[in-house]
Amino acid sequence: QVQLVESGGGLVQAGGSLRLSCAASGRTFSSYAMGWFRQAPGKEREFVASISRSGTNTYYADSVKGRFTISRDNAKNTVYLQMNSLKPEDTAVYYCAARRGPLVYWGQGTQVTVSS
């Protein structure tokens, strides 16, 4: 089992940047594919970005492509989401997820609010 703790959320003006971090417990972090998801009020949780176990492959939702960058540091058991050119529609609770086979673990989420 892995425990995930997100940090780095906050209030930012449109056009600004934030960097989210997700720290994972345990010694098997590199065996998990990692991802970021978000959920806005009244909406379903949606995929934002993911990264393979080695960090070689990354995937993004069309809505964030070119603005967000996912990365990981397996030595630090941490995955990051660099968010640039933020828009009010990026306002949501952002969740970190770890997947290995059929098992998926979620963090508690961190709030990101983008003011116009």
Protein backbone atom coordinates (compact mmCIF):
# COMPACT_ATOMS: atom_id res chain seq x y z
CA GLN A 1 0.00 0.00 0.00
CA VAL A 2 1.14 3.57 -0.63
CA GLN A 3 0.04 6.77 1.09
CA LEU A 4 -0.02 10.01 -0.87
CA VAL A 5 0.10 13.57 0.45
CA GLU A 6 -0.43 16.51 -1.87
CA SER A 7 0.78 20.05 -1.24
CA GLY A 8 1.32 23.30 -3.08
CA GLY A 9 -2.24 24.36 -3.76
CA GLY A 10 -3.49 27.86 -3.12
CA LEU A 11 -5.00 31.02 -4.56
CA VAL A 12 -3.44 32.52 -7.67
CA GLN A 13 -4.45 35.10 -10.24
CA ALA A 14 -5.20 34.12 -13.80
CA GLY A 15 -2.00 33.80 -15.78
CA GLY A 16 -0.04 32.79 -12.71
CA SER A 17 1.72 29.57 -11.82
CA LEU A 18 1.65 26.94 -9.10
CA ARG A 19 3.63 23.79 -8.50
CA LEU A 20 1.88 20.88 -6.85
CA SER A 21 3.79 18.12 -5.11
CA CYS A 22 2.69 14.65 -4.11
CA ALA A 23 4.86 12.78 -1.63
CA ALA A 24 4.48 9.01 -1.42
CA SER A 25 5.29 6.68 1.43
CA GLY A 26 7.06 3.38 1.08
CA ARG A 27 10.00 2.00 -0.85
CA THR A 28 8.19 0.97 -4.03
CA PHE A 29 7.34 4.38 -5.48
CA SER A 30 9.11 3.64 -8.76
CA SER A 31 6.80 0.67 -9.35
CA TYR A 32 3.75 2.95 -9.60
CA ALA A 33 2.51 4.95 -12.54
CA MET A 34 1.44 8.32 -11.19
CA GLY A 35 -1.23 10.76 -12.19
CA TRP A 36 -3.01 13.97 -11.35
CA PHE A 37 -6.76 14.39 -11.46
CA ARG A 38 -9.02 17.28 -10.52
CA GLN A 39 -12.59 17.83 -9.46
CA ALA A 40 -14.39 21.14 -9.72
CA PRO A 41 -17.56 21.87 -7.70
CA GLY A 42 -20.54 20.09 -9.19
CA LYS A 43 -18.41 18.20 -11.71
CA GLU A 44 -16.96 14.73 -11.95
CA ARG A 45 -13.32 14.04 -11.27
CA GLU A 46 -11.30 14.32 -14.47
CA PHE A 47 -7.89 13.26 -15.68
CA VAL A 48 -5.21 15.95 -15.87
CA ALA A 49 -1.87 14.25 -16.48
CA SER A 50 0.01 11.01 -15.92
CA ILE A 51 3.57 9.77 -15.97
CA SER A 52 5.04 6.31 -16.40
CA ARG A 53 7.06 4.53 -13.71
CA SER A 54 10.41 5.65 -15.11
CA GLY A 55 9.17 9.09 -16.10
CA THR A 56 9.83 8.42 -19.78
CA ASN A 57 6.23 8.76 -20.91
CA THR A 58 3.79 11.52 -20.04
CA TYR A 59 0.18 12.13 -21.01
CA TYR A 60 -2.02 15.20 -20.70
CA ALA A 61 -5.63 16.20 -21.02
CA ASP A 62 -6.18 18.46 -23.99
CA SER A 63 -7.34 21.23 -21.68
CA VAL A 64 -3.92 21.49 -19.98
CA LYS A 65 -1.55 20.47 -22.76
CA GLY A 66 1.17 23.06 -23.23
CA ARG A 67 0.46 24.69 -19.86
CA PHE A 68 1.01 21.89 -17.31
CA THR A 69 4.01 19.63 -16.90
CA ILE A 70 4.10 16.43 -14.86
CA SER A 71 7.39 15.08 -13.57
CA ARG A 72 8.67 12.70 -10.92
CA ASP A 73 11.71 12.17 -8.76
CA ASN A 74 11.87 8.51 -7.79
CA ALA A 75 14.74 9.18 -5.38
CA LYS A 76 12.47 11.55 -3.44
CA ASN A 77 9.26 9.50 -3.85
CA THR A 78 7.58 12.59 -5.25
CA VAL A 79 5.58 13.54 -8.31
CA TYR A 80 5.05 17.14 -9.37
CA LEU A 81 2.61 19.12 -11.45
CA GLN A 82 3.91 22.43 -12.72
CA MET A 83 0.95 24.57 -13.73
CA ASN A 84 1.55 27.69 -15.80
CA SER A 85 -0.79 30.17 -17.49
CA LEU A 86 -3.53 29.23 -15.07
CA LYS A 87 -7.13 29.97 -15.95
CA PRO A 88 -10.21 30.35 -13.75
CA GLU A 89 -11.50 27.09 -15.21
CA ASP A 90 -8.51 25.31 -13.66
CA THR A 91 -10.07 25.92 -10.24
CA ALA A 92 -10.59 22.53 -8.57
CA VAL A 93 -9.38 20.15 -5.94
CA TYR A 94 -6.35 18.38 -7.38
CA TYR A 95 -5.73 14.75 -6.48
CA CYS A 96 -2.64 12.64 -6.85
CA ALA A 97 -3.07 8.98 -7.77
CA ALA A 98 -0.76 5.98 -7.83
CA ARG A 99 -1.53 2.90 -9.94
CA ARG A 100 0.06 -0.51 -10.06
CA GLY A 101 -1.88 -3.16 -11.90
CA PRO A 102 -5.51 -3.07 -10.69
CA LEU A 103 -4.66 -1.13 -7.52
CA VAL A 104 -5.17 2.61 -7.37
CA TYR A 105 -4.42 4.83 -4.40
CA TRP A 106 -5.53 8.42 -3.94
CA GLY A 107 -4.31 11.37 -1.93
CA GLN A 108 -6.58 13.66 0.03
CA GLY A 109 -6.42 16.48 -2.50
CA THR A 110 -5.24 20.08 -2.52
CA GLN A 111 -7.34 23.08 -3.47
CA VAL A 112 -6.31 25.27 -6.40
CA THR A 113 -8.26 28.49 -6.91
CA VAL A 114 -7.60 30.77 -9.88
CA SER A 115 -9.12 34.23 -9.69
CA SER A 116 -9.98 36.24 -12.78
